[in-house]
Amino acid sequence: MSTAATPDSEPLGYEGELLALVRETAPRMFAVVAEYAAGTDDADAVVIAWGHAHEGGRTEVIGPRGRRWTLASPDSVTRFLPGDDACATRLVWLPRATRS
C-alpha cells in the first residue's frame, strides 16, 4: 500500500517520517548582509553572500564573484567578509522549514 498526502497535509507513514528526518538534519541557511548606516533613517542593506551551517558547525559560504569557503563555524564568516568604515556585516538566519 502506498502512502498518500493531501494538498493541505503532510505525507503519511514512511514518507512523513522521511520528510521529518530531512527537515531535522538539513543545514541551516543564512545570508551575509552588509548594512549601511544601521540604526539611522538612512539605513540600507545588501546581501553579499549565502551560507549553510551543518551539524557540528562546519559552514559553507558562497561569496562575491562565486568565491567559496568552508569554515569551522558560522561565527568565522564575518572575518572573511568584514565590513569597513561605511558598513558592518552580519548573518541573517532564514527560519527552518516548518510543517504547513
PDB file of N, CA and C in Angstrom:
ATOM      1  N   MET A   1       0.854  -1.178   0.000  1.00  0.00           N
ATOM      2  CA  MET A   1       0.000   0.000   0.000  1.00  0.00           C
ATOM      3  C   MET A   1       0.896   1.236   0.000  1.00  0.00           C
ATOM      4  N   SER A   2       0.637   2.169  -0.870  1.00  0.00           N
ATOM      5  CA  SER A   2       1.450   3.379  -0.941  1.00  0.00           C
ATOM      6  C   SER A   2       0.937   4.409   0.049  1.00  0.00           C
ATOM      7  N   THR A   3       1.826   5.333   0.391  1.00  0.00           N
ATOM      8  CA  THR A   3       1.415   6.408   1.281  1.00  0.00           C
ATOM      9  C   THR A   3       0.751   7.490   0.454  1.00  0.00           C
ATOM     10  N   ALA A   4      -0.011   8.315   1.100  1.00  0.00           N
ATOM     11  CA  ALA A   4      -0.724   9.364   0.382  1.00  0.00           C
ATOM     12  C   ALA A   4      -0.599  10.669   1.140  1.00  0.00           C
ATOM     13  N   ALA A   5      -0.804  11.727   0.412  1.00  0.00           N
ATOM     14  CA  ALA A   5      -0.825  13.055   1.028  1.00  0.00           C
ATOM     15  C   ALA A   5      -1.906  13.859   0.348  1.00  0.00           C
ATOM     16  N   THR A   6      -2.518  14.727   1.103  1.00  0.00           N
ATOM     17  CA  THR A   6      -3.459  15.656   0.510  1.00  0.00           C
ATOM     18  C   THR A   6      -2.745  16.993   0.390  1.00  0.00           C
ATOM     19  N   PRO A   7      -3.203  17.878  -0.471  1.00  0.00           N
ATOM     20  CA  PRO A   7      -2.514  19.153  -0.660  1.00  0.00           C
ATOM     21  C   PRO A   7      -2.340  19.952   0.628  1.00  0.00           C
ATOM     22  N   ASP A   8      -3.247  19.772   1.588  1.00  0.00           N
ATOM     23  CA  ASP A   8      -3.193  20.558   2.813  1.00  0.00           C
ATOM     24  C   ASP A   8      -2.612  19.804   4.001  1.00  0.00           C
ATOM     25  N   SER A   9      -1.968  18.657   3.764  1.00  0.00           N
ATOM     26  CA  SER A   9      -1.448  17.885   4.888  1.00  0.00           C
ATOM     27  C   SER A   9      -0.062  17.337   4.582  1.00  0.00           C
ATOM     28  N   GLU A  10       0.571  16.812   5.617  1.00  0.00           N
ATOM     29  CA  GLU A  10       1.869  16.164   5.475  1.00  0.00           C
ATOM     30  C   GLU A  10       1.657  14.757   4.917  1.00  0.00           C
ATOM     31  N   PRO A  11       2.653  14.213   4.226  1.00  0.00           N
ATOM     32  CA  PRO A  11       2.557  12.827   3.789  1.00  0.00           C
ATOM     33  C   PRO A  11       2.395  11.904   4.988  1.00  0.00           C
ATOM     34  N   LEU A  12       1.775  10.777   4.773  1.00  0.00           N
ATOM     35  CA  LEU A  12       1.540   9.815   5.844  1.00  0.00           C
ATOM     36  C   LEU A  12       2.592   8.726   5.825  1.00  0.00           C
ATOM     37  N   GLY A  13       2.770   8.047   6.950  1.00  0.00           N
ATOM     38  CA  GLY A  13       3.617   6.870   7.011  1.00  0.00           C
ATOM     39  C   GLY A  13       5.080   7.167   6.753  1.00  0.00           C
ATOM     40  N   TYR A  14       5.715   6.272   5.998  1.00  0.00           N
ATOM     41  CA  TYR A  14       7.147   6.345   5.728  1.00  0.00           C
ATOM     42  C   TYR A  14       7.544   7.686   5.126  1.00  0.00           C
ATOM     43  N   GLU A  15       6.793   8.180   4.163  1.00  0.00           N
ATOM     44  CA  GLU A  15       7.130   9.456   3.517  1.00  0.00           C
ATOM     45  C   GLU A  15       7.137  10.602   4.534  1.00  0.00           C
ATOM     46  N   GLY A  16       6.213  10.587   5.466  1.00  0.00           N
ATOM     47  CA  GLY A  16       6.177  11.602   6.507  1.00  0.00           C
ATOM     48  C   GLY A  16       7.395  11.517   7.416  1.00  0.00           C
ATOM     49  N   GLU A  17       7.783  10.291   7.774  1.00  0.00           N
ATOM     50  CA  GLU A  17       8.976  10.099   8.604  1.00  0.00           C
ATOM     51  C   GLU A  17      10.230  10.551   7.860  1.00  0.00           C
ATOM     52  N   LEU A  18      10.300  10.238   6.575  1.00  0.00           N
ATOM     53  CA  LEU A  18      11.440  10.640   5.766  1.00  0.00           C
ATOM     54  C   LEU A  18      11.535  12.159   5.683  1.00  0.00           C
ATOM     55  N   LEU A  19      10.417  12.806   5.468  1.00  0.00           N
ATOM     56  CA  LEU A  19      10.392  14.267   5.406  1.00  0.00           C
ATOM     57  C   LEU A  19      10.841  14.867   6.732  1.00  0.00           C
ATOM     58  N   ALA A  20      10.405  14.307   7.847  1.00  0.00           N
ATOM     59  CA  ALA A  20      10.821  14.799   9.166  1.00  0.00           C
ATOM     60  C   ALA A  20      12.325  14.637   9.350  1.00  0.00           C
ATOM     61  N   LEU A  21      12.888  13.505   8.920  1.00  0.00           N
ATOM     62  CA  LEU A  21      14.327  13.271   9.012  1.00  0.00           C
ATOM     63  C   LEU A  21      15.094  14.318   8.207  1.00  0.00           C
ATOM     64  N   VAL A  22      14.637  14.574   7.006  1.00  0.00           N
ATOM     65  CA  VAL A  22      15.303  15.554   6.141  1.00  0.00           C
ATOM     66  C   VAL A  22      15.259  16.939   6.778  1.00  0.00           C
ATOM     67  N   ARG A  23      14.114  17.325   7.304  1.00  0.00           N
ATOM     68  CA  ARG A  23      13.998  18.634   7.944  1.00  0.00           C
ATOM     69  C   ARG A  23      14.906  18.759   9.161  1.00  0.00           C
ATOM     70  N   GLU A  24      14.986  17.694   9.958  1.00  0.00           N
ATOM     71  CA  GLU A  24      15.791  17.734  11.180  1.00  0.00           C
ATOM     72  C   GLU A  24      17.289  17.797  10.895  1.00  0.00           C
ATOM     73  N   THR A  25      17.729  17.241   9.790  1.00  0.00           N
ATOM     74  CA  THR A  25      19.165  17.177   9.509  1.00  0.00           C
ATOM     75  C   THR A  25      19.628  18.170   8.449  1.00  0.00           C
ATOM     76  N   ALA A  26      18.720  18.948   7.919  1.00  0.00           N
ATOM     77  CA  ALA A  26      19.079  19.926   6.887  1.00  0.00           C
ATOM     78  C   ALA A  26      19.986  20.998   7.471  1.00  0.00           C
ATOM     79  N   PRO A  27      20.959  21.467   6.690  1.00  0.00           N
ATOM     80  CA  PRO A  27      21.786  22.573   7.180  1.00  0.00           C
ATOM     81  C   PRO A  27      20.943  23.838   7.312  1.00  0.00           C
ATOM     82  N   ARG A  28      21.353  24.701   8.222  1.00  0.00           N
ATOM     83  CA  ARG A  28      20.669  25.986   8.374  1.00  0.00           C
ATOM     84  C   ARG A  28      21.225  26.955   7.354  1.00  0.00           C
ATOM     85  N   MET A  29      20.361  27.714   6.736  1.00  0.00           N
ATOM     86  CA  MET A  29      20.773  28.651   5.701  1.00  0.00           C
ATOM     87  C   MET A  29      20.758  30.078   6.250  1.00  0.00           C
ATOM     88  N   PHE A  30      21.753  30.861   5.812  1.00  0.00           N
ATOM     89  CA  PHE A  30      21.819  32.249   6.238  1.00  0.00           C
ATOM     90  C   PHE A  30      22.343  33.119   5.109  1.00  0.00           C
ATOM     91  N   ALA A  31      22.059  34.403   5.228  1.00  0.00           N
ATOM     92  CA  ALA A  31      22.618  35.399   4.321  1.00  0.00           C
ATOM     93  C   ALA A  31      23.647  36.204   5.099  1.00  0.00           C
ATOM     94  N   VAL A  32      24.683  36.636   4.411  1.00  0.00           N
ATOM     95  CA  VAL A  32      25.626  37.593   4.979  1.00  0.00           C
ATOM     96  C   VAL A  32      25.229  38.934   4.382  1.00  0.00           C
ATOM     97  N   VAL A  33      24.880  39.872   5.239  1.00  0.00           N
ATOM     98  CA  VAL A  33      24.443  41.175   4.747  1.00  0.00           C
ATOM     99  C   VAL A  33      25.434  42.257   5.151  1.00  0.00           C
ATOM    100  N   ALA A  34      25.583  43.218   4.279  1.00  0.00           N
ATOM    101  CA  ALA A  34      26.348  44.430   4.584  1.00  0.00           C
ATOM    102  C   ALA A  34      25.319  45.503   4.885  1.00  0.00           C
ATOM    103  N   GLU A  35      25.403  46.079   6.078  1.00  0.00           N
ATOM    104  CA  GLU A  35      24.460  47.116   6.491  1.00  0.00           C
ATOM    105  C   GLU A  35      25.152  48.470   6.467  1.00  0.00           C
ATOM    106  N   TYR A  36      24.478  49.415   5.878  1.00  0.00           N
ATOM    107  CA  TYR A  36      24.976  50.780   5.786  1.00  0.00           C
ATOM    108  C   TYR A  36      24.118  51.684   6.667  1.00  0.00           C
ATOM    109  N   ALA A  37      24.749  52.501   7.462  1.00  0.00           N
ATOM    110  CA  ALA A  37      24.059  53.460   8.336  1.00  0.00           C
ATOM    111  C   ALA A  37      23.003  52.783   9.200  1.00  0.00           C
ATOM    112  N   ALA A  38      23.331  51.601   9.737  1.00  0.00           N
ATOM    113  CA  ALA A  38      22.388  50.852  10.580  1.00  0.00           C
ATOM    114  C   ALA A  38      21.927  51.714  11.752  1.00  0.00           C
ATOM    115  N   GLY A  39      20.653  51.614  12.070  1.00  0.00           N
ATOM    116  CA  GLY A  39      20.096  52.357  13.191  1.00  0.00           C
ATOM    117  C   GLY A  39      19.746  53.794  12.888  1.00  0.00           C
ATOM    118  N   THR A  40      19.857  54.199  11.623  1.00  0.00           N
ATOM    119  CA  THR A  40      19.503  55.564  11.238  1.00  0.00           C
ATOM    120  C   THR A  40      18.352  55.541  10.251  1.00  0.00           C
ATOM    121  N   ASP A  41      17.843  56.702   9.932  1.00  0.00           N
ATOM    122  CA  ASP A  41      16.770  56.796   8.936  1.00  0.00           C
ATOM    123  C   ASP A  41      17.264  56.446   7.536  1.00  0.00           C
ATOM    124  N   ASP A  42      18.574  56.493   7.325  1.00  0.00           N
ATOM    125  CA  ASP A  42      19.154  56.194   6.021  1.00  0.00           C
ATOM    126  C   ASP A  42      19.651  54.754   5.913  1.00  0.00           C
ATOM    127  N   ALA A  43      19.274  53.886   6.857  1.00  0.00           N
ATOM    128  CA  ALA A  43      19.770  52.510   6.882  1.00  0.00           C
ATOM    129  C   ALA A  43      19.424  51.784   5.585  1.00  0.00           C
ATOM    130  N   ASP A  44      20.356  50.953   5.157  1.00  0.00           N
ATOM    131  CA  ASP A  44      20.172  50.150   3.949  1.00  0.00           C
ATOM    132  C   ASP A  44      21.021  48.892   4.109  1.00  0.00           C
ATOM    133  N   ALA A  45      20.731  47.877   3.331  1.00  0.00           N
ATOM    134  CA  ALA A  45      21.499  46.632   3.416  1.00  0.00           C
ATOM    135  C   ALA A  45      21.493  45.942   2.063  1.00  0.00           C
ATOM    136  N   VAL A  46      22.502  45.095   1.857  1.00  0.00           N
ATOM    137  CA  VAL A  46      22.590  44.298   0.644  1.00  0.00           C
ATOM    138  C   VAL A  46      23.130  42.920   1.030  1.00  0.00           C
ATOM    139  N   VAL A  47      22.615  41.872   0.398  1.00  0.00           N
ATOM    140  CA  VAL A  47      23.123  40.521   0.629  1.00  0.00           C
ATOM    141  C   VAL A  47      24.416  40.369  -0.161  1.00  0.00           C
ATOM    142  N   ILE A  48      25.489  39.977   0.525  1.00  0.00           N
ATOM    143  CA  ILE A  48      26.781  39.831  -0.149  1.00  0.00           C
ATOM    144  C   ILE A  48      27.243  38.382  -0.248  1.00  0.00           C
ATOM    145  N   ALA A  49      26.571  37.476   0.453  1.00  0.00           N
ATOM    146  CA  ALA A  49      26.938  36.056   0.383  1.00  0.00           C
ATOM    147  C   ALA A  49      25.817  35.223   0.988  1.00  0.00           C
ATOM    148  N   TRP A  50      25.862  33.914   0.689  1.00  0.00           N
ATOM    149  CA  TRP A  50      24.921  32.944   1.250  1.00  0.00           C
ATOM    150  C   TRP A  50      25.708  31.818   1.893  1.00  0.00           C
ATOM    151  N   GLY A  51      25.140  31.248   2.960  1.00  0.00           N
ATOM    152  CA  GLY A  51      25.839  30.164   3.623  1.00  0.00           C
ATOM    153  C   GLY A  51      24.918  29.090   4.160  1.00  0.00           C
ATOM    154  N   HIS A  52      25.534  27.934   4.432  1.00  0.00           N
ATOM    155  CA  HIS A  52      24.870  26.795   5.063  1.00  0.00           C
ATOM    156  C   HIS A  52      25.699  26.376   6.267  1.00  0.00           C
ATOM    157  N   ALA A  53      25.066  26.225   7.414  1.00  0.00           N
ATOM    158  CA  ALA A  53      25.736  25.733   8.614  1.00  0.00           C
ATOM    159  C   ALA A  53      25.255  24.303   8.856  1.00  0.00           C
ATOM    160  N   HIS A  54      26.184  23.380   8.875  1.00  0.00           N
ATOM    161  CA  HIS A  54      25.867  21.966   9.066  1.00  0.00           C
ATOM    162  C   HIS A  54      25.999  21.580  10.533  1.00  0.00           C
ATOM    163  N   GLU A  55      25.447  20.409  10.880  1.00  0.00           N
ATOM    164  CA  GLU A  55      25.617  19.888  12.235  1.00  0.00           C
ATOM    165  C   GLU A  55      27.096  19.824  12.550  1.00  0.00           C
ATOM    166  N   GLY A  56      27.461  20.135  13.767  1.00  0.00           N
ATOM    167  CA  GLY A  56      28.865  20.124  14.140  1.00  0.00           C
ATOM    168  C   GLY A  56      29.569  21.428  13.841  1.00  0.00           C
ATOM    169  N   GLY A  57      28.896  22.361  13.169  1.00  0.00           N
ATOM    170  CA  GLY A  57      29.460  23.676  12.944  1.00  0.00           C
ATOM    171  C   GLY A  57      30.024  23.946  11.570  1.00  0.00           C
ATOM    172  N   ARG A  58      30.428  22.904  10.825  1.00  0.00           N
ATOM    173  CA  ARG A  58      31.035  23.152   9.515  1.00  0.00           C
ATOM    174  C   ARG A  58      30.114  24.051   8.698  1.00  0.00           C
ATOM    175  N   THR A  59      30.719  25.069   8.084  1.00  0.00           N
ATOM    176  CA  THR A  59      29.944  26.088   7.381  1.00  0.00           C
ATOM    177  C   THR A  59      30.496  26.292   5.982  1.00  0.00           C
ATOM    178  N   GLU A  60      29.611  26.342   5.009  1.00  0.00           N
ATOM    179  CA  GLU A  60      29.995  26.600   3.621  1.00  0.00           C
ATOM    180  C   GLU A  60      29.375  27.921   3.203  1.00  0.00           C
ATOM    181  N   VAL A  61      30.183  28.743   2.548  1.00  0.00           N
ATOM    182  CA  VAL A  61      29.730  30.075   2.129  1.00  0.00           C
ATOM    183  C   VAL A  61      30.072  30.281   0.661  1.00  0.00           C
ATOM    184  N   ILE A  62      29.127  30.854  -0.069  1.00  0.00           N
ATOM    185  CA  ILE A  62      29.376  31.286  -1.439  1.00  0.00           C
ATOM    186  C   ILE A  62      29.290  32.803  -1.411  1.00  0.00           C
ATOM    187  N   GLY A  63      30.426  33.434  -1.711  1.00  0.00           N
ATOM    188  CA  GLY A  63      30.524  34.879  -1.587  1.00  0.00           C
ATOM    189  C   GLY A  63      30.589  35.587  -2.914  1.00  0.00           C
ATOM    190  N   PRO A  64      31.086  36.800  -2.857  1.00  0.00           N
ATOM    191  CA  PRO A  64      31.188  37.616  -4.063  1.00  0.00           C
ATOM    192  C   PRO A  64      32.015  36.923  -5.146  1.00  0.00           C
ATOM    193  N   ARG A  65      31.594  37.089  -6.373  1.00  0.00           N
ATOM    194  CA  ARG A  65      32.274  36.537  -7.554  1.00  0.00           C
ATOM    195  C   ARG A  65      32.404  35.014  -7.499  1.00  0.00           C
ATOM    196  N   GLY A  66      31.478  34.342  -6.796  1.00  0.00           N
ATOM    197  CA  GLY A  66      31.488  32.882  -6.745  1.00  0.00           C
ATOM    198  C   GLY A  66      32.534  32.280  -5.830  1.00  0.00           C
ATOM    199  N   ARG A  67      33.220  33.086  -5.050  1.00  0.00           N
ATOM    200  CA  ARG A  67      34.199  32.539  -4.097  1.00  0.00           C
ATOM    201  C   ARG A  67      33.497  31.613  -3.126  1.00  0.00           C
ATOM    202  N   ARG A  68      34.193  30.538  -2.751  1.00  0.00           N
ATOM    203  CA  ARG A  68      33.639  29.569  -1.810  1.00  0.00           C
ATOM    204  C   ARG A  68      34.600  29.358  -0.656  1.00  0.00           C
ATOM    205  N   TRP A  69      34.017  29.252   0.532  1.00  0.00           N
ATOM    206  CA  TRP A  69      34.799  28.961   1.727  1.00  0.00           C
ATOM    207  C   TRP A  69      34.137  27.826   2.486  1.00  0.00           C
ATOM    208  N   THR A  70      34.946  27.010   3.135  1.00  0.00           N
ATOM    209  CA  THR A  70      34.470  26.058   4.123  1.00  0.00           C
ATOM    210  C   THR A  70      35.143  26.462   5.426  1.00  0.00           C
ATOM    211  N   LEU A  71      34.335  26.771   6.417  1.00  0.00           N
ATOM    212  CA  LEU A  71      34.832  27.312   7.675  1.00  0.00           C
ATOM    213  C   LEU A  71      34.408  26.415   8.836  1.00  0.00           C
ATOM    214  N   ALA A  72      35.035  26.615   9.975  1.00  0.00           N
ATOM    215  CA  ALA A  72      34.747  25.801  11.153  1.00  0.00           C
ATOM    216  C   ALA A  72      33.401  26.136  11.788  1.00  0.00           C
ATOM    217  N   SER A  73      32.941  27.378  11.624  1.00  0.00           N
ATOM    218  CA  SER A  73      31.676  27.783  12.242  1.00  0.00           C
ATOM    219  C   SER A  73      31.120  29.011  11.533  1.00  0.00           C
ATOM    220  N   PRO A  74      29.824  29.266  11.699  1.00  0.00           N
ATOM    221  CA  PRO A  74      29.249  30.471  11.103  1.00  0.00           C
ATOM    222  C   PRO A  74      29.863  31.747  11.651  1.00  0.00           C
ATOM    223  N   ASP A  75      30.328  31.712  12.905  1.00  0.00           N
ATOM    224  CA  ASP A  75      30.929  32.899  13.501  1.00  0.00           C
ATOM    225  C   ASP A  75      32.172  33.366  12.759  1.00  0.00           C
ATOM    226  N   SER A  76      32.805  32.477  12.005  1.00  0.00           N
ATOM    227  CA  SER A  76      34.020  32.812  11.267  1.00  0.00           C
ATOM    228  C   SER A  76      33.747  33.618   9.995  1.00  0.00           C
ATOM    229  N   VAL A  77      32.520  33.627   9.551  1.00  0.00           N
ATOM    230  CA  VAL A  77      32.196  34.218   8.244  1.00  0.00           C
ATOM    231  C   VAL A  77      32.553  35.695   8.175  1.00  0.00           C
ATOM    232  N   THR A  78      32.237  36.454   9.198  1.00  0.00           N
ATOM    233  CA  THR A  78      32.480  37.895   9.114  1.00  0.00           C
ATOM    234  C   THR A  78      33.970  38.239   9.146  1.00  0.00           C
ATOM    235  N   ARG A  79      34.823  37.292   9.516  1.00  0.00           N
ATOM    236  CA  ARG A  79      36.268  37.543   9.407  1.00  0.00           C
ATOM    237  C   ARG A  79      36.708  37.506   7.943  1.00  0.00           C
ATOM    238  N   PHE A  80      36.014  36.713   7.129  1.00  0.00           N
ATOM    239  CA  PHE A  80      36.356  36.610   5.709  1.00  0.00           C
ATOM    240  C   PHE A  80      35.637  37.663   4.875  1.00  0.00           C
ATOM    241  N   LEU A  81      34.534  38.145   5.385  1.00  0.00           N
ATOM    242  CA  LEU A  81      33.765  39.184   4.689  1.00  0.00           C
ATOM    243  C   LEU A  81      33.532  40.341   5.659  1.00  0.00           C
ATOM    244  N   PRO A  82      34.598  41.002   6.078  1.00  0.00           N
ATOM    245  CA  PRO A  82      34.441  42.052   7.083  1.00  0.00           C
ATOM    246  C   PRO A  82      33.814  43.313   6.501  1.00  0.00           C
ATOM    247  N   GLY A  83      33.273  44.102   7.379  1.00  0.00           N
ATOM    248  CA  GLY A  83      32.767  45.394   6.962  1.00  0.00           C
ATOM    249  C   GLY A  83      33.913  46.392   6.883  1.00  0.00           C
ATOM    250  N   ASP A  84      33.560  47.646   6.756  1.00  0.00           N
ATOM    251  CA  ASP A  84      34.568  48.708   6.758  1.00  0.00           C
ATOM    252  C   ASP A  84      33.950  49.916   7.459  1.00  0.00           C
ATOM    253  N   ASP A  85      34.549  51.089   7.286  1.00  0.00           N
ATOM    254  CA  ASP A  85      34.020  52.279   7.956  1.00  0.00           C
ATOM    255  C   ASP A  85      32.606  52.615   7.506  1.00  0.00           C
ATOM    256  N   ALA A  86      32.257  52.227   6.280  1.00  0.00           N
ATOM    257  CA  ALA A  86      30.947  52.582   5.731  1.00  0.00           C
ATOM    258  C   ALA A  86      29.866  51.555   6.047  1.00  0.00           C
ATOM    259  N   CYS A  87      30.259  50.323   6.373  1.00  0.00           N
ATOM    260  CA  CYS A  87      29.241  49.294   6.598  1.00  0.00           C
ATOM    261  C   CYS A  87      29.731  48.254   7.601  1.00  0.00           C
ATOM    262  N   ALA A  88      28.780  47.508   8.129  1.00  0.00           N
ATOM    263  CA  ALA A  88      29.066  46.387   9.021  1.00  0.00           C
ATOM    264  C   ALA A  88      28.443  45.140   8.409  1.00  0.00           C
ATOM    265  N   THR A  89      29.070  43.993   8.598  1.00  0.00           N
ATOM    266  CA  THR A  89      28.483  42.750   8.090  1.00  0.00           C
ATOM    267  C   THR A  89      27.933  41.939   9.251  1.00  0.00           C
ATOM    268  N   ARG A  90      26.866  41.194   8.959  1.00  0.00           N
ATOM    269  CA  ARG A  90      26.298  40.292   9.955  1.00  0.00           C
ATOM    270  C   ARG A  90      25.542  39.177   9.255  1.00  0.00           C
ATOM    271  N   LEU A  91      25.245  38.135  10.010  1.00  0.00           N
ATOM    272  CA  LEU A  91      24.492  36.996   9.486  1.00  0.00           C
ATOM    273  C   LEU A  91      23.013  37.203   9.777  1.00  0.00           C
ATOM    274  N   VAL A  92      22.185  36.850   8.808  1.00  0.00           N
ATOM    275  CA  VAL A  92      20.735  36.849   8.997  1.00  0.00           C
ATOM    276  C   VAL A  92      20.262  35.439   8.674  1.00  0.00           C
ATOM    277  N   TRP A  93      19.767  34.751   9.685  1.00  0.00           N
ATOM    278  CA  TRP A  93      19.361  33.342   9.548  1.00  0.00           C
ATOM    279  C   TRP A  93      17.965  33.244   8.972  1.00  0.00           C
ATOM    280  N   LEU A  94      17.795  32.352   8.009  1.00  0.00           N
ATOM    281  CA  LEU A  94      16.468  32.056   7.491  1.00  0.00           C
ATOM    282  C   LEU A  94      15.804  31.081   8.456  1.00  0.00           C
ATOM    283  N   PRO A  95      14.503  31.226   8.660  1.00  0.00           N
ATOM    284  CA  PRO A  95      13.819  30.280   9.557  1.00  0.00           C
ATOM    285  C   PRO A  95      13.836  28.866   8.963  1.00  0.00           C
ATOM    286  N   ARG A  96      13.908  27.883   9.849  1.00  0.00           N
ATOM    287  CA  ARG A  96      13.831  26.495   9.402  1.00  0.00           C
ATOM    288  C   ARG A  96      12.459  26.220   8.817  1.00  0.00           C
ATOM    289  N   ALA A  97      12.393  25.319   7.869  1.00  0.00           N
ATOM    290  CA  ALA A  97      11.110  24.927   7.296  1.00  0.00           C
ATOM    291  C   ALA A  97      10.258  24.310   8.393  1.00  0.00           C
ATOM    292  N   THR A  98       8.993  24.645   8.381  1.00  0.00           N
ATOM    293  CA  THR A  98       8.083  24.093   9.380  1.00  0.00           C
ATOM    294  C   THR A  98       6.946  23.389   8.678  1.00  0.00           C
ATOM    295  N   ARG A  99       6.228  22.642   9.447  1.00  0.00           N
ATOM    296  CA  ARG A  99       5.061  21.956   8.878  1.00  0.00           C
ATOM    297  C   ARG A  99       4.025  22.997   8.499  1.00  0.00           C
ATOM    298  N   SER A 100       3.392  22.775   7.372  1.00  0.00           N
ATOM    299  CA  SER A 100       2.341  23.726   6.960  1.00  0.00           C
ATOM    300  C   SER A 100       0.995  23.248   7.387  1.00  0.00           C
TER     301      SER A 100
END
